[in-house]
Each structure stands twice: as C-alpha cells, then as structure tokens.
N, C-alpha and C. Protein backbone atom coordinates (compact mmCIF):
# COMPACT_ATOMS: atom_id res chain seq x y z
N UNK A 1 -23.39 20.76 3.64
CA UNK A 1 -22.47 19.97 2.77
C UNK A 1 -22.55 20.54 1.37
N UNK A 2 -21.41 20.62 0.72
CA UNK A 2 -21.33 21.00 -0.69
C UNK A 2 -21.59 19.74 -1.52
N UNK A 3 -22.55 19.85 -2.40
CA UNK A 3 -22.96 18.69 -3.21
C UNK A 3 -22.16 18.59 -4.50
N UNK A 4 -20.84 18.69 -4.38
CA UNK A 4 -19.96 18.70 -5.54
C UNK A 4 -18.89 17.66 -5.31
N UNK A 5 -18.63 16.82 -6.33
CA UNK A 5 -17.54 15.86 -6.34
C UNK A 5 -16.59 16.23 -7.44
N UNK A 6 -15.32 16.33 -7.11
CA UNK A 6 -14.27 16.56 -8.12
C UNK A 6 -13.72 15.20 -8.56
N UNK A 7 -13.54 15.06 -9.86
CA UNK A 7 -12.86 13.88 -10.41
C UNK A 7 -11.67 14.42 -11.16
N UNK A 8 -10.47 14.04 -10.66
CA UNK A 8 -9.22 14.55 -11.20
C UNK A 8 -8.46 13.41 -11.87
N UNK A 9 -7.96 13.69 -13.03
CA UNK A 9 -7.22 12.69 -13.82
C UNK A 9 -5.86 13.21 -14.22
N UNK A 10 -4.86 12.39 -14.03
CA UNK A 10 -3.49 12.76 -14.24
C UNK A 10 -2.98 12.53 -15.68
N UNK A 11 -1.64 12.47 -15.80
CA UNK A 11 -1.03 12.46 -17.09
C UNK A 11 -1.40 11.27 -17.97
N UNK A 12 -1.52 11.58 -19.23
CA UNK A 12 -1.78 10.62 -20.31
C UNK A 12 -3.19 10.06 -20.36
N UNK A 13 -4.03 10.42 -19.37
CA UNK A 13 -5.41 9.92 -19.42
C UNK A 13 -6.21 10.60 -20.51
N UNK A 14 -5.70 11.72 -21.08
CA UNK A 14 -6.33 12.32 -22.26
C UNK A 14 -6.19 11.38 -23.47
N UNK A 15 -5.30 10.41 -23.41
CA UNK A 15 -5.11 9.45 -24.50
C UNK A 15 -5.90 8.14 -24.32
N UNK A 16 -6.80 8.14 -23.40
CA UNK A 16 -7.63 6.94 -23.18
C UNK A 16 -8.27 6.52 -24.48
N UNK A 17 -8.27 5.21 -24.73
CA UNK A 17 -8.84 4.66 -25.93
C UNK A 17 -7.78 4.52 -27.05
N UNK A 18 -6.71 5.28 -26.92
CA UNK A 18 -5.64 5.22 -27.93
C UNK A 18 -4.36 4.61 -27.38
N UNK A 19 -4.06 4.93 -26.11
CA UNK A 19 -2.78 4.48 -25.50
C UNK A 19 -2.98 3.15 -24.83
N UNK A 20 -2.22 2.15 -25.28
CA UNK A 20 -2.24 0.80 -24.70
C UNK A 20 -3.64 0.29 -24.37
N UNK A 21 -4.49 0.17 -25.39
CA UNK A 21 -5.86 -0.29 -25.14
C UNK A 21 -5.96 -1.70 -24.53
N UNK A 22 -4.91 -2.51 -24.69
CA UNK A 22 -4.91 -3.81 -24.11
C UNK A 22 -4.76 -3.74 -22.57
N UNK A 23 -4.28 -2.61 -22.06
CA UNK A 23 -4.18 -2.36 -20.63
C UNK A 23 -5.33 -1.51 -20.13
N UNK A 24 -5.60 -0.43 -20.84
CA UNK A 24 -6.54 0.58 -20.35
C UNK A 24 -7.93 0.52 -20.99
N UNK A 25 -8.12 -0.32 -22.02
CA UNK A 25 -9.40 -0.43 -22.66
C UNK A 25 -9.55 0.57 -23.80
N UNK A 26 -10.69 0.49 -24.43
CA UNK A 26 -10.95 1.34 -25.61
C UNK A 26 -11.83 2.58 -25.28
N UNK A 27 -12.31 2.66 -24.04
CA UNK A 27 -13.11 3.79 -23.64
C UNK A 27 -12.24 5.04 -23.64
N UNK A 28 -12.89 6.19 -23.91
CA UNK A 28 -12.18 7.46 -23.96
C UNK A 28 -12.40 8.21 -22.66
N UNK A 29 -11.66 9.29 -22.50
CA UNK A 29 -11.84 10.14 -21.33
C UNK A 29 -13.28 10.71 -21.33
N UNK A 30 -13.84 10.97 -22.50
CA UNK A 30 -15.22 11.44 -22.58
C UNK A 30 -16.18 10.36 -22.07
N UNK A 31 -15.88 9.10 -22.34
CA UNK A 31 -16.71 8.01 -21.80
C UNK A 31 -16.64 7.98 -20.27
N UNK A 32 -15.45 8.18 -19.75
CA UNK A 32 -15.29 8.19 -18.28
C UNK A 32 -16.05 9.37 -17.68
N UNK A 33 -15.96 10.53 -18.30
CA UNK A 33 -16.68 11.71 -17.81
C UNK A 33 -18.20 11.43 -17.82
N UNK A 34 -18.71 10.85 -18.90
CA UNK A 34 -20.14 10.56 -19.01
C UNK A 34 -20.58 9.60 -17.86
N UNK A 35 -19.78 8.58 -17.61
CA UNK A 35 -20.07 7.66 -16.53
C UNK A 35 -20.08 8.35 -15.19
N UNK A 36 -19.08 9.16 -14.95
CA UNK A 36 -19.01 9.92 -13.67
C UNK A 36 -20.17 10.90 -13.53
N UNK A 37 -20.50 11.57 -14.61
CA UNK A 37 -21.62 12.52 -14.56
C UNK A 37 -22.95 11.78 -14.25
N UNK A 38 -23.17 10.70 -14.92
CA UNK A 38 -24.39 9.93 -14.67
C UNK A 38 -24.44 9.46 -13.22
N UNK A 39 -23.35 8.95 -12.71
CA UNK A 39 -23.30 8.39 -11.34
C UNK A 39 -23.48 9.49 -10.30
N UNK A 40 -22.82 10.65 -10.48
CA UNK A 40 -22.98 11.72 -9.49
C UNK A 40 -24.38 12.32 -9.53
N UNK A 41 -24.90 12.56 -10.74
CA UNK A 41 -26.25 13.15 -10.83
C UNK A 41 -27.31 12.21 -10.30
N UNK A 42 -27.16 10.91 -10.54
CA UNK A 42 -28.11 9.90 -9.99
C UNK A 42 -28.12 10.01 -8.45
N UNK A 43 -27.02 10.32 -7.87
CA UNK A 43 -26.92 10.40 -6.40
C UNK A 43 -27.28 11.80 -5.87
N UNK A 44 -27.61 12.74 -6.76
CA UNK A 44 -27.95 14.08 -6.35
C UNK A 44 -26.77 15.01 -6.14
N UNK A 45 -25.65 14.68 -6.72
CA UNK A 45 -24.47 15.51 -6.61
C UNK A 45 -24.10 16.12 -7.96
N UNK A 46 -23.28 17.16 -7.91
CA UNK A 46 -22.73 17.77 -9.14
C UNK A 46 -21.31 17.25 -9.33
N UNK A 47 -20.80 17.47 -10.52
CA UNK A 47 -19.50 16.93 -10.90
C UNK A 47 -18.65 18.04 -11.50
N UNK A 48 -17.39 18.08 -11.13
CA UNK A 48 -16.37 18.85 -11.87
C UNK A 48 -15.33 17.79 -12.26
N UNK A 49 -15.08 17.72 -13.55
CA UNK A 49 -14.22 16.67 -14.12
C UNK A 49 -13.02 17.34 -14.79
N UNK A 50 -11.84 16.89 -14.42
CA UNK A 50 -10.62 17.53 -14.92
C UNK A 50 -9.62 16.48 -15.39
N UNK A 51 -8.73 16.93 -16.27
CA UNK A 51 -7.58 16.12 -16.65
C UNK A 51 -6.43 17.06 -16.95
N UNK A 52 -5.24 16.72 -16.44
CA UNK A 52 -4.04 17.50 -16.78
C UNK A 52 -2.83 16.59 -16.79
N UNK A 53 -1.90 16.91 -17.63
CA UNK A 53 -0.61 16.23 -17.66
C UNK A 53 0.37 16.94 -16.75
N UNK A 54 -0.04 18.02 -16.09
CA UNK A 54 0.85 18.86 -15.32
C UNK A 54 0.55 18.72 -13.81
N UNK A 55 1.55 18.31 -13.09
CA UNK A 55 1.41 18.08 -11.63
C UNK A 55 0.87 19.30 -10.89
N UNK A 56 1.42 20.45 -11.16
CA UNK A 56 1.02 21.67 -10.46
C UNK A 56 -0.43 22.04 -10.71
N UNK A 57 -0.94 21.77 -11.90
CA UNK A 57 -2.34 22.05 -12.17
C UNK A 57 -3.27 21.12 -11.33
N UNK A 58 -2.87 19.84 -11.21
CA UNK A 58 -3.62 18.93 -10.38
C UNK A 58 -3.65 19.44 -8.92
N UNK A 59 -2.51 19.93 -8.46
CA UNK A 59 -2.42 20.44 -7.09
C UNK A 59 -3.34 21.65 -6.92
N UNK A 60 -3.34 22.55 -7.91
CA UNK A 60 -4.24 23.72 -7.87
C UNK A 60 -5.70 23.29 -7.77
N UNK A 61 -6.10 22.24 -8.54
CA UNK A 61 -7.49 21.77 -8.49
C UNK A 61 -7.81 21.17 -7.13
N UNK A 62 -6.84 20.45 -6.53
CA UNK A 62 -7.06 19.89 -5.19
C UNK A 62 -7.26 21.01 -4.19
N UNK A 63 -6.47 22.03 -4.31
CA UNK A 63 -6.61 23.22 -3.41
C UNK A 63 -7.96 23.87 -3.63
N UNK A 64 -8.41 24.00 -4.88
CA UNK A 64 -9.73 24.55 -5.16
C UNK A 64 -10.84 23.69 -4.53
N UNK A 65 -10.65 22.40 -4.55
CA UNK A 65 -11.65 21.49 -4.03
C UNK A 65 -11.87 21.73 -2.52
N UNK A 66 -10.90 22.25 -1.82
CA UNK A 66 -11.06 22.55 -0.39
C UNK A 66 -12.28 23.46 -0.16
N UNK A 67 -12.55 24.34 -1.12
CA UNK A 67 -13.67 25.28 -0.98
C UNK A 67 -14.92 24.89 -1.73
N UNK A 68 -14.73 24.03 -2.74
CA UNK A 68 -15.83 23.78 -3.69
C UNK A 68 -16.42 22.37 -3.67
N UNK A 69 -15.71 21.40 -3.07
CA UNK A 69 -16.15 20.02 -3.17
C UNK A 69 -16.28 19.34 -1.84
N UNK A 70 -17.15 18.36 -1.79
CA UNK A 70 -17.28 17.53 -0.59
C UNK A 70 -16.40 16.33 -0.63
N UNK A 71 -16.01 15.88 -1.86
CA UNK A 71 -15.18 14.67 -2.04
C UNK A 71 -14.40 14.76 -3.29
N UNK A 72 -13.30 13.99 -3.36
CA UNK A 72 -12.44 13.97 -4.52
C UNK A 72 -12.19 12.53 -4.93
N UNK A 73 -12.36 12.26 -6.24
CA UNK A 73 -11.88 11.05 -6.87
C UNK A 73 -10.64 11.45 -7.64
N UNK A 74 -9.54 10.70 -7.46
CA UNK A 74 -8.34 11.05 -8.21
C UNK A 74 -7.74 9.80 -8.83
N UNK A 75 -7.44 9.91 -10.12
CA UNK A 75 -6.61 8.95 -10.81
C UNK A 75 -5.31 9.69 -11.12
N UNK A 76 -4.33 9.61 -10.22
CA UNK A 76 -3.12 10.39 -10.41
C UNK A 76 -2.20 9.79 -11.48
N UNK A 77 -2.58 8.65 -12.04
CA UNK A 77 -1.77 7.96 -13.06
C UNK A 77 -0.34 7.83 -12.56
N UNK A 78 0.64 8.13 -13.37
CA UNK A 78 2.04 7.92 -13.02
C UNK A 78 2.45 8.76 -11.80
N UNK A 79 1.76 9.85 -11.53
CA UNK A 79 2.09 10.64 -10.31
C UNK A 79 1.82 9.90 -9.03
N UNK A 80 1.06 8.82 -9.08
CA UNK A 80 0.82 7.99 -7.91
C UNK A 80 2.14 7.52 -7.29
N UNK A 81 3.07 7.23 -8.13
CA UNK A 81 4.31 6.59 -7.74
C UNK A 81 5.43 7.57 -7.52
N UNK A 82 5.17 8.87 -7.73
CA UNK A 82 6.27 9.86 -7.64
C UNK A 82 5.92 11.10 -6.86
N UNK A 83 4.64 11.44 -6.68
CA UNK A 83 4.30 12.79 -6.25
C UNK A 83 3.95 12.91 -4.76
N UNK A 84 4.92 13.34 -3.98
CA UNK A 84 4.66 13.70 -2.60
C UNK A 84 3.88 15.03 -2.56
N UNK A 85 4.08 15.86 -3.57
CA UNK A 85 3.38 17.16 -3.65
C UNK A 85 1.86 16.94 -3.78
N UNK A 86 1.43 16.02 -4.57
CA UNK A 86 0.01 15.73 -4.69
C UNK A 86 -0.51 15.13 -3.40
N UNK A 87 0.27 14.25 -2.77
CA UNK A 87 -0.12 13.71 -1.48
C UNK A 87 -0.31 14.87 -0.47
N UNK A 88 0.64 15.76 -0.38
CA UNK A 88 0.56 16.89 0.57
C UNK A 88 -0.69 17.72 0.29
N UNK A 89 -1.00 17.98 -0.98
CA UNK A 89 -2.20 18.75 -1.32
C UNK A 89 -3.45 18.00 -0.87
N UNK A 90 -3.50 16.70 -1.09
CA UNK A 90 -4.66 15.90 -0.64
C UNK A 90 -4.79 15.92 0.86
N UNK A 91 -3.69 15.96 1.59
CA UNK A 91 -3.75 16.04 3.04
C UNK A 91 -4.41 17.33 3.53
N UNK A 92 -4.44 18.37 2.70
CA UNK A 92 -5.05 19.64 3.10
C UNK A 92 -6.54 19.64 2.80
N UNK A 93 -7.04 18.63 2.11
CA UNK A 93 -8.47 18.48 1.78
C UNK A 93 -9.13 17.72 2.89
N UNK A 94 -10.23 18.25 3.44
CA UNK A 94 -10.85 17.64 4.64
C UNK A 94 -11.89 16.56 4.31
N UNK A 95 -12.34 16.47 3.08
CA UNK A 95 -13.34 15.47 2.75
C UNK A 95 -12.75 14.11 2.38
N UNK A 96 -13.63 13.16 2.08
CA UNK A 96 -13.15 11.84 1.69
C UNK A 96 -12.53 11.88 0.31
N UNK A 97 -11.56 11.00 0.08
CA UNK A 97 -10.84 10.90 -1.19
C UNK A 97 -10.78 9.47 -1.60
N UNK A 98 -11.05 9.20 -2.89
CA UNK A 98 -10.97 7.86 -3.45
C UNK A 98 -9.89 7.92 -4.59
N UNK A 99 -9.02 6.91 -4.59
CA UNK A 99 -8.02 6.80 -5.63
C UNK A 99 -8.44 5.70 -6.58
N UNK A 100 -8.34 5.97 -7.88
CA UNK A 100 -8.74 5.02 -8.90
C UNK A 100 -7.59 4.76 -9.87
N UNK A 101 -7.41 3.48 -10.17
CA UNK A 101 -6.47 3.07 -11.22
C UNK A 101 -7.24 2.11 -12.15
N UNK A 102 -7.24 2.42 -13.42
CA UNK A 102 -7.97 1.61 -14.39
C UNK A 102 -7.37 0.21 -14.48
N UNK A 103 -6.08 0.11 -14.50
CA UNK A 103 -5.37 -1.18 -14.53
C UNK A 103 -5.08 -1.62 -13.11
N UNK A 104 -4.72 -2.90 -12.98
CA UNK A 104 -4.32 -3.43 -11.68
C UNK A 104 -2.81 -3.13 -11.53
N UNK A 105 -2.50 -2.05 -10.84
CA UNK A 105 -1.10 -1.64 -10.68
C UNK A 105 -0.23 -2.70 -10.00
N UNK A 106 -0.85 -3.57 -9.27
CA UNK A 106 -0.07 -4.61 -8.56
C UNK A 106 0.31 -5.79 -9.46
N UNK A 107 -0.23 -5.83 -10.68
CA UNK A 107 0.13 -6.87 -11.66
C UNK A 107 1.01 -6.34 -12.75
N UNK A 108 1.49 -5.11 -12.56
CA UNK A 108 2.34 -4.45 -13.57
C UNK A 108 3.77 -4.34 -13.06
N UNK A 109 4.53 -3.47 -13.65
CA UNK A 109 5.93 -3.28 -13.26
C UNK A 109 6.03 -2.95 -11.75
N UNK A 110 7.09 -3.41 -11.16
CA UNK A 110 7.22 -3.25 -9.68
C UNK A 110 7.20 -1.78 -9.25
N UNK A 111 7.71 -0.85 -10.05
CA UNK A 111 7.70 0.52 -9.66
C UNK A 111 6.28 1.09 -9.53
N UNK A 112 5.31 0.41 -10.14
CA UNK A 112 3.88 0.84 -10.05
C UNK A 112 3.16 0.30 -8.82
N UNK A 113 3.81 -0.57 -8.07
CA UNK A 113 3.14 -1.23 -6.96
C UNK A 113 2.90 -0.30 -5.77
N UNK A 114 3.70 0.75 -5.63
CA UNK A 114 3.53 1.65 -4.49
C UNK A 114 2.94 2.97 -4.96
N UNK A 115 1.91 3.42 -4.24
CA UNK A 115 1.30 4.73 -4.49
C UNK A 115 1.45 5.57 -3.26
N UNK A 116 2.11 6.70 -3.41
CA UNK A 116 2.21 7.65 -2.31
C UNK A 116 0.82 8.16 -1.93
N UNK A 117 -0.06 8.28 -2.90
CA UNK A 117 -1.39 8.87 -2.73
C UNK A 117 -2.25 8.02 -1.80
N UNK A 118 -2.06 6.73 -1.84
CA UNK A 118 -2.92 5.78 -1.10
C UNK A 118 -2.90 6.03 0.42
N UNK A 119 -1.81 6.62 0.92
CA UNK A 119 -1.77 6.83 2.37
C UNK A 119 -2.73 7.91 2.82
N UNK A 120 -3.32 8.68 1.89
CA UNK A 120 -4.32 9.69 2.23
C UNK A 120 -5.75 9.28 1.86
N UNK A 121 -5.91 8.29 1.04
CA UNK A 121 -7.23 8.01 0.50
C UNK A 121 -8.09 7.16 1.45
N UNK A 122 -9.37 7.30 1.31
CA UNK A 122 -10.33 6.49 2.08
C UNK A 122 -10.53 5.14 1.42
N UNK A 123 -10.31 5.07 0.11
CA UNK A 123 -10.33 3.78 -0.61
C UNK A 123 -9.47 3.91 -1.85
N UNK A 124 -8.98 2.80 -2.31
CA UNK A 124 -8.21 2.71 -3.53
C UNK A 124 -8.81 1.56 -4.37
N UNK A 125 -9.18 1.90 -5.60
CA UNK A 125 -9.82 0.92 -6.47
C UNK A 125 -8.86 0.68 -7.66
N UNK A 126 -8.48 -0.56 -7.84
CA UNK A 126 -7.53 -0.88 -8.93
C UNK A 126 -8.10 -2.00 -9.78
N UNK A 127 -7.83 -1.94 -11.09
CA UNK A 127 -8.09 -3.06 -11.96
C UNK A 127 -9.53 -3.29 -12.38
N UNK A 128 -10.41 -2.34 -12.13
CA UNK A 128 -11.82 -2.49 -12.47
C UNK A 128 -12.17 -1.74 -13.78
N UNK A 129 -11.18 -1.32 -14.52
CA UNK A 129 -11.44 -0.51 -15.70
C UNK A 129 -12.12 0.79 -15.34
N UNK A 130 -12.85 1.34 -16.25
CA UNK A 130 -13.48 2.65 -15.96
C UNK A 130 -14.60 2.51 -14.92
N UNK A 131 -15.09 1.31 -14.66
CA UNK A 131 -16.09 1.13 -13.62
C UNK A 131 -15.54 1.52 -12.24
N UNK A 132 -14.21 1.52 -12.10
CA UNK A 132 -13.62 1.94 -10.86
C UNK A 132 -14.04 3.36 -10.46
N UNK A 133 -14.25 4.22 -11.44
CA UNK A 133 -14.72 5.58 -11.19
C UNK A 133 -16.14 5.54 -10.60
N UNK A 134 -17.01 4.73 -11.19
CA UNK A 134 -18.35 4.59 -10.66
C UNK A 134 -18.33 4.07 -9.23
N UNK A 135 -17.53 3.03 -8.97
CA UNK A 135 -17.45 2.46 -7.63
C UNK A 135 -16.94 3.51 -6.65
N UNK A 136 -15.95 4.31 -7.07
CA UNK A 136 -15.39 5.33 -6.18
C UNK A 136 -16.41 6.41 -5.86
N UNK A 137 -17.19 6.83 -6.84
CA UNK A 137 -18.20 7.86 -6.58
C UNK A 137 -19.30 7.27 -5.66
N UNK A 138 -19.73 6.05 -5.92
CA UNK A 138 -20.73 5.46 -5.07
C UNK A 138 -20.25 5.29 -3.63
N UNK A 139 -18.98 4.91 -3.47
CA UNK A 139 -18.39 4.84 -2.14
C UNK A 139 -18.40 6.16 -1.45
N UNK A 140 -17.94 7.21 -2.14
CA UNK A 140 -17.87 8.52 -1.56
C UNK A 140 -19.22 9.07 -1.19
N UNK A 141 -20.21 8.91 -2.06
CA UNK A 141 -21.58 9.35 -1.76
C UNK A 141 -22.10 8.63 -0.52
N UNK A 142 -21.86 7.33 -0.41
CA UNK A 142 -22.28 6.59 0.76
C UNK A 142 -21.60 7.16 2.05
N UNK A 143 -20.36 7.44 1.94
CA UNK A 143 -19.58 7.96 3.07
C UNK A 143 -20.10 9.35 3.45
N UNK A 144 -20.40 10.18 2.45
CA UNK A 144 -20.90 11.54 2.68
C UNK A 144 -22.30 11.52 3.33
N UNK A 145 -23.10 10.64 2.85
CA UNK A 145 -24.46 10.54 3.42
C UNK A 145 -24.45 10.05 4.84
N UNK A 146 -23.47 9.28 5.27
CA UNK A 146 -23.36 8.86 6.66
C UNK A 146 -22.87 10.00 7.51
N UNK A 147 -22.16 10.93 6.95
CA UNK A 147 -21.62 12.11 7.71
C UNK A 147 -22.75 13.08 8.03
N UNK A 148 -23.73 13.21 7.16
CA UNK A 148 -24.80 14.22 7.38
C UNK A 148 -25.51 14.05 8.70
C-alpha cells in the first residue's frame, strides 16, 4: 500500500477566511492544510495537499493519484455540481475517495443540492466546517487499514 493521501481543493478555496466567512468560517486554506497534515501524520500517512481554480488541473492531480496515493479527499467546491469530467477522473482511481464540503450544501441554494462527485465517493461529509477534512482522512485511514 502507498502511504500517501491526496487532498484536493477546488475553486475559490484559496480565498478561505476571506470569502463569505459567515458560510465558510474564518480558517484559511493554510489552516486546513495544517489540520490535514496533522491528521495524516498521526495515522502514519503522508499528505499531498493541492488547490486549483482550474478543472483540468484537478483532473491531472486525480490521474497522478492513481500512481502515488492510496486515497483521495476532494472538496470539488462548485465543480461538485457541474463536473462530469472530475467524476470520470475519480472513477479511474482505484482507492477510496471522500468528498468534503465545508458548508451544508443541502441547506443552500437548490443548485448546490446535487453533487455529481458523490456517485463515486465512499463517503460525503457536509456542514462540519474544516473538521470535515479530519473526519474524511480518519474514515479513509480506517478503510485502508481494513484492506491490508
């Protein structure tokens, strides 16, 4: 098993702490990365943490994960509701995948209620703030350790 977990973040997450803090909180993307790094290292895994506003870049990272990672955490942000291309890339990844949304997408605008990505994920965590990333990593680690 490859002891690497990829955490992929989609558009506008680089503005964490600045953009709509009443919805997304005041934590920054650096705070999320620190939490993910602590959680993965505590479990004996390595972390690769990425953010892009560009759909194709996220797809490239998912394709890289096929060779480099045992699991993927993805917060596709707005691409959740639009990107069949990201879904198709995730379908090519053989390990477990967790989807994270900082806000509760089901309590927001109706167009946010459906995620194309969820049909490929092993779990979807919504509305837990940045702790959703920690929960996702812990879930994936548990799943990976059962596979061994």
